[in-house]
């Protein structure tokens, strides 16, 4: 599913226009990206959490020359799925449906 398909689905489920759904979805995504880039953790209960994680400096290799190189430390965005999301994707076989 791409963004246009998501907007269409949100518009149908929320009984709003596609333009309104696009505005809300874009604002939500922008707000999450802004908060995470400022070092905040964004938690949507049942869905998951967005946060910035630090990656240490490490040694890598240039695939063309096989030469060793240092990959600098950096921060990367990360998402951890919440329990409801995980259960929706992979239901527990021991729990009755």
N, C-alpha and C. Protein backbone atom coordinates (compact mmCIF):
# COMPACT_ATOMS: atom_id res chain seq x y z
N UNK A 1 0.85 -1.17 0.00
CA UNK A 1 0.00 0.00 0.00
C UNK A 1 0.90 1.24 0.00
N UNK A 2 0.63 2.15 -0.90
CA UNK A 2 1.38 3.41 -0.94
C UNK A 2 0.58 4.51 -0.25
N UNK A 3 1.13 5.72 -0.21
CA UNK A 3 0.48 6.82 0.50
C UNK A 3 -0.90 7.14 -0.08
N UNK A 4 -1.02 7.15 -1.41
CA UNK A 4 -2.31 7.46 -2.04
C UNK A 4 -3.37 6.42 -1.66
N UNK A 5 -2.98 5.16 -1.62
CA UNK A 5 -3.93 4.10 -1.24
C UNK A 5 -4.30 4.22 0.24
N UNK A 6 -3.33 4.59 1.07
CA UNK A 6 -3.61 4.78 2.49
C UNK A 6 -4.56 5.95 2.69
N UNK A 7 -4.35 7.04 1.97
CA UNK A 7 -5.24 8.20 2.05
C UNK A 7 -6.65 7.80 1.66
N UNK A 8 -6.79 7.04 0.60
CA UNK A 8 -8.11 6.58 0.14
C UNK A 8 -8.79 5.74 1.22
N UNK A 9 -8.05 4.83 1.83
CA UNK A 9 -8.61 3.97 2.88
C UNK A 9 -9.01 4.78 4.11
N UNK A 10 -8.16 5.70 4.52
CA UNK A 10 -8.46 6.54 5.69
C UNK A 10 -9.69 7.39 5.40
N UNK A 11 -9.77 7.96 4.21
CA UNK A 11 -10.93 8.79 3.84
C UNK A 11 -12.22 7.99 3.93
N UNK A 12 -12.20 6.76 3.45
CA UNK A 12 -13.40 5.92 3.50
C UNK A 12 -13.77 5.55 4.93
N UNK A 13 -12.79 5.13 5.72
CA UNK A 13 -13.07 4.70 7.10
C UNK A 13 -13.50 5.84 8.00
N UNK A 14 -12.97 7.04 7.75
CA UNK A 14 -13.29 8.20 8.60
C UNK A 14 -14.42 9.04 8.02
N UNK A 15 -14.94 8.65 6.87
CA UNK A 15 -16.02 9.39 6.21
C UNK A 15 -15.66 10.86 6.00
N UNK A 16 -14.44 11.07 5.46
CA UNK A 16 -13.99 12.42 5.13
C UNK A 16 -13.51 12.41 3.68
N UNK A 17 -13.22 13.60 3.15
CA UNK A 17 -12.72 13.66 1.77
C UNK A 17 -11.27 13.21 1.73
N UNK A 18 -10.81 12.87 0.53
CA UNK A 18 -9.41 12.47 0.37
C UNK A 18 -8.49 13.63 0.71
N UNK A 19 -8.91 14.85 0.39
CA UNK A 19 -8.10 16.03 0.69
C UNK A 19 -7.93 16.20 2.20
N UNK A 20 -9.02 15.99 2.94
CA UNK A 20 -8.95 16.09 4.41
C UNK A 20 -8.08 14.98 4.99
N UNK A 21 -8.24 13.76 4.48
CA UNK A 21 -7.45 12.63 4.96
C UNK A 21 -5.97 12.85 4.66
N UNK A 22 -5.67 13.40 3.48
CA UNK A 22 -4.28 13.69 3.10
C UNK A 22 -3.68 14.72 4.07
N UNK A 23 -4.45 15.77 4.38
CA UNK A 23 -3.96 16.81 5.28
C UNK A 23 -3.67 16.25 6.67
N UNK A 24 -4.56 15.43 7.18
CA UNK A 24 -4.38 14.85 8.52
C UNK A 24 -3.21 13.86 8.53
N UNK A 25 -3.15 12.99 7.54
CA UNK A 25 -2.07 12.01 7.48
C UNK A 25 -0.71 12.69 7.34
N UNK A 26 -0.63 13.68 6.47
CA UNK A 26 0.63 14.41 6.27
C UNK A 26 1.03 15.13 7.56
N UNK A 27 0.08 15.75 8.24
CA UNK A 27 0.37 16.45 9.50
C UNK A 27 0.86 15.46 10.56
N UNK A 28 0.23 14.29 10.63
CA UNK A 28 0.63 13.28 11.62
C UNK A 28 2.05 12.78 11.35
N UNK A 29 2.34 12.47 10.10
CA UNK A 29 3.68 11.98 9.73
C UNK A 29 4.72 13.06 9.99
N UNK A 30 4.43 14.29 9.59
CA UNK A 30 5.37 15.40 9.82
C UNK A 30 5.63 15.60 11.32
N UNK A 31 4.58 15.51 12.12
CA UNK A 31 4.71 15.70 13.56
C UNK A 31 5.57 14.59 14.19
N UNK A 32 5.37 13.36 13.75
CA UNK A 32 6.18 12.24 14.25
C UNK A 32 7.64 12.44 13.87
N UNK A 33 7.91 12.78 12.60
CA UNK A 33 9.29 12.98 12.15
C UNK A 33 9.96 14.12 12.91
N UNK A 34 9.23 15.20 13.13
CA UNK A 34 9.78 16.35 13.84
C UNK A 34 10.12 15.97 15.29
N UNK A 35 9.21 15.30 15.96
CA UNK A 35 9.44 14.92 17.36
C UNK A 35 10.62 13.96 17.49
N UNK A 36 10.70 12.97 16.62
CA UNK A 36 11.80 12.00 16.68
C UNK A 36 13.13 12.67 16.36
N UNK A 37 13.14 13.59 15.40
CA UNK A 37 14.38 14.27 15.04
C UNK A 37 14.88 15.16 16.18
N UNK A 38 13.96 15.60 17.06
CA UNK A 38 14.34 16.40 18.22
C UNK A 38 14.71 15.55 19.43
N UNK A 39 14.69 14.22 19.26
CA UNK A 39 15.09 13.32 20.33
C UNK A 39 13.95 12.76 21.16
N UNK A 40 12.72 13.11 20.82
CA UNK A 40 11.56 12.58 21.56
C UNK A 40 11.19 11.20 21.06
N UNK A 41 10.50 10.45 21.92
CA UNK A 41 9.95 9.15 21.54
C UNK A 41 8.45 9.34 21.36
N UNK A 42 7.91 8.85 20.27
CA UNK A 42 6.48 8.96 19.99
C UNK A 42 5.87 7.57 20.13
N UNK A 43 4.93 7.44 21.07
CA UNK A 43 4.30 6.14 21.33
C UNK A 43 2.82 6.23 20.99
N UNK A 44 2.37 5.35 20.13
CA UNK A 44 0.96 5.22 19.79
C UNK A 44 0.53 3.87 20.35
N UNK A 45 -0.18 3.89 21.47
CA UNK A 45 -0.52 2.67 22.20
C UNK A 45 -1.22 1.69 21.27
N UNK A 46 -0.73 0.46 21.26
CA UNK A 46 -1.29 -0.60 20.44
C UNK A 46 -0.65 -0.66 19.06
N UNK A 47 -0.17 0.48 18.56
CA UNK A 47 0.44 0.51 17.23
C UNK A 47 1.95 0.33 17.32
N UNK A 48 2.60 1.22 18.09
CA UNK A 48 4.05 1.09 18.23
C UNK A 48 4.69 2.39 18.64
N UNK A 49 6.04 2.38 18.65
CA UNK A 49 6.81 3.53 19.07
C UNK A 49 7.84 3.90 18.02
N UNK A 50 8.02 5.20 17.84
CA UNK A 50 9.03 5.74 16.95
C UNK A 50 10.06 6.43 17.82
N UNK A 51 11.35 6.21 17.54
CA UNK A 51 12.40 6.87 18.31
C UNK A 51 13.68 6.93 17.48
N UNK A 52 14.60 7.78 17.94
CA UNK A 52 15.92 7.85 17.32
C UNK A 52 16.84 6.94 18.12
N UNK A 53 17.62 6.14 17.42
CA UNK A 53 18.59 5.27 18.08
C UNK A 53 19.98 5.64 17.61
N UNK A 54 20.92 5.56 18.54
CA UNK A 54 22.32 5.86 18.21
C UNK A 54 23.00 4.61 17.68
N UNK A 55 23.73 4.79 16.62
CA UNK A 55 24.52 3.71 16.04
C UNK A 55 25.99 4.05 16.28
N UNK A 56 26.74 3.14 16.86
CA UNK A 56 28.15 3.39 17.16
C UNK A 56 28.98 3.40 15.88
N UNK A 57 30.15 4.02 15.99
CA UNK A 57 31.12 3.98 14.90
C UNK A 57 31.54 2.52 14.72
N UNK A 58 31.69 2.10 13.47
CA UNK A 58 32.07 0.71 13.23
C UNK A 58 32.95 0.60 12.00
N UNK A 59 33.58 -0.54 11.89
CA UNK A 59 34.45 -0.78 10.74
C UNK A 59 33.65 -1.49 9.66
N UNK A 60 33.80 -1.04 8.44
CA UNK A 60 33.13 -1.68 7.31
C UNK A 60 34.13 -1.89 6.19
N UNK A 61 33.66 -2.38 5.07
CA UNK A 61 34.51 -2.62 3.91
C UNK A 61 33.84 -2.06 2.66
N UNK A 62 34.68 -1.49 1.80
CA UNK A 62 34.20 -1.02 0.51
C UNK A 62 33.98 -2.28 -0.34
N UNK A 63 32.76 -2.54 -0.80
CA UNK A 63 32.50 -3.77 -1.55
C UNK A 63 33.26 -3.88 -2.88
N UNK A 64 33.62 -2.74 -3.46
CA UNK A 64 34.35 -2.79 -4.74
C UNK A 64 35.81 -3.11 -4.54
N UNK A 65 36.44 -2.46 -3.54
CA UNK A 65 37.88 -2.62 -3.37
C UNK A 65 38.24 -3.52 -2.19
N UNK A 66 37.25 -3.88 -1.38
CA UNK A 66 37.45 -4.69 -0.17
C UNK A 66 38.33 -3.95 0.85
N UNK A 67 38.50 -2.65 0.66
CA UNK A 67 39.32 -1.84 1.55
C UNK A 67 38.54 -1.53 2.83
N UNK A 68 39.22 -1.60 3.99
CA UNK A 68 38.58 -1.28 5.27
C UNK A 68 38.31 0.21 5.34
N UNK A 69 37.18 0.55 5.99
CA UNK A 69 36.85 1.94 6.18
C UNK A 69 36.08 2.08 7.49
N UNK A 70 36.09 3.27 8.04
CA UNK A 70 35.36 3.53 9.27
C UNK A 70 34.02 4.17 8.91
N UNK A 71 32.94 3.56 9.42
CA UNK A 71 31.60 4.11 9.23
C UNK A 71 31.31 4.93 10.49
N UNK A 72 31.10 6.24 10.35
CA UNK A 72 30.95 7.10 11.53
C UNK A 72 29.68 6.80 12.33
N UNK A 73 29.70 7.18 13.61
CA UNK A 73 28.53 7.05 14.47
C UNK A 73 27.43 7.95 13.92
N UNK A 74 26.20 7.54 14.09
CA UNK A 74 25.07 8.32 13.59
C UNK A 74 23.82 7.98 14.37
N UNK A 75 22.77 8.73 14.13
CA UNK A 75 21.46 8.42 14.71
C UNK A 75 20.56 7.98 13.57
N UNK A 76 19.74 6.97 13.84
CA UNK A 76 18.82 6.46 12.83
C UNK A 76 17.41 6.37 13.42
N UNK A 77 16.39 6.56 12.59
CA UNK A 77 15.03 6.40 13.09
C UNK A 77 14.72 4.91 13.27
N UNK A 78 13.92 4.60 14.29
CA UNK A 78 13.57 3.21 14.55
C UNK A 78 12.10 3.12 14.93
N UNK A 79 11.48 2.00 14.59
CA UNK A 79 10.09 1.73 14.93
C UNK A 79 10.01 0.39 15.63
N UNK A 80 9.30 0.36 16.74
CA UNK A 80 9.04 -0.89 17.45
C UNK A 80 7.53 -1.10 17.45
N UNK A 81 7.08 -2.21 16.89
CA UNK A 81 5.65 -2.48 16.83
C UNK A 81 5.10 -2.79 18.21
N UNK A 82 3.88 -2.33 18.47
CA UNK A 82 3.19 -2.60 19.73
C UNK A 82 2.56 -3.98 19.73
N UNK A 83 2.10 -4.40 20.89
CA UNK A 83 1.55 -5.75 21.04
C UNK A 83 0.35 -5.99 20.13
N UNK A 84 -0.58 -5.05 20.07
CA UNK A 84 -1.77 -5.25 19.23
C UNK A 84 -1.39 -5.40 17.77
N UNK A 85 -0.41 -4.60 17.32
CA UNK A 85 0.05 -4.66 15.93
C UNK A 85 0.70 -6.02 15.67
N UNK A 86 1.57 -6.45 16.59
CA UNK A 86 2.24 -7.74 16.43
C UNK A 86 1.24 -8.88 16.39
N UNK A 87 0.24 -8.82 17.29
CA UNK A 87 -0.77 -9.87 17.34
C UNK A 87 -1.63 -9.89 16.07
N UNK A 88 -1.85 -8.72 15.47
CA UNK A 88 -2.65 -8.64 14.25
C UNK A 88 -1.89 -9.28 13.08
N UNK A 89 -0.58 -9.06 13.04
CA UNK A 89 0.26 -9.59 11.96
C UNK A 89 0.50 -11.08 12.13
N UNK A 90 0.81 -11.50 13.36
CA UNK A 90 1.11 -12.91 13.64
C UNK A 90 0.33 -13.34 14.87
N UNK A 91 -0.92 -13.74 14.70
CA UNK A 91 -1.74 -14.13 15.85
C UNK A 91 -1.11 -15.31 16.61
N UNK A 92 -1.24 -15.26 17.93
CA UNK A 92 -0.75 -16.35 18.78
C UNK A 92 -1.64 -17.57 18.55
N UNK A 93 -1.03 -18.67 18.20
CA UNK A 93 -1.79 -19.89 17.91
C UNK A 93 -2.41 -20.48 19.17
N UNK A 94 -1.92 -20.10 20.35
CA UNK A 94 -2.47 -20.64 21.61
C UNK A 94 -3.66 -19.87 22.08
N UNK A 95 -3.89 -18.66 21.54
CA UNK A 95 -5.02 -17.85 21.94
C UNK A 95 -6.19 -18.08 20.98
N UNK A 96 -7.38 -18.39 21.51
CA UNK A 96 -8.52 -18.60 20.62
C UNK A 96 -8.91 -17.30 19.91
N UNK A 97 -9.32 -17.39 18.67
CA UNK A 97 -9.64 -16.21 17.86
C UNK A 97 -10.96 -15.60 18.22
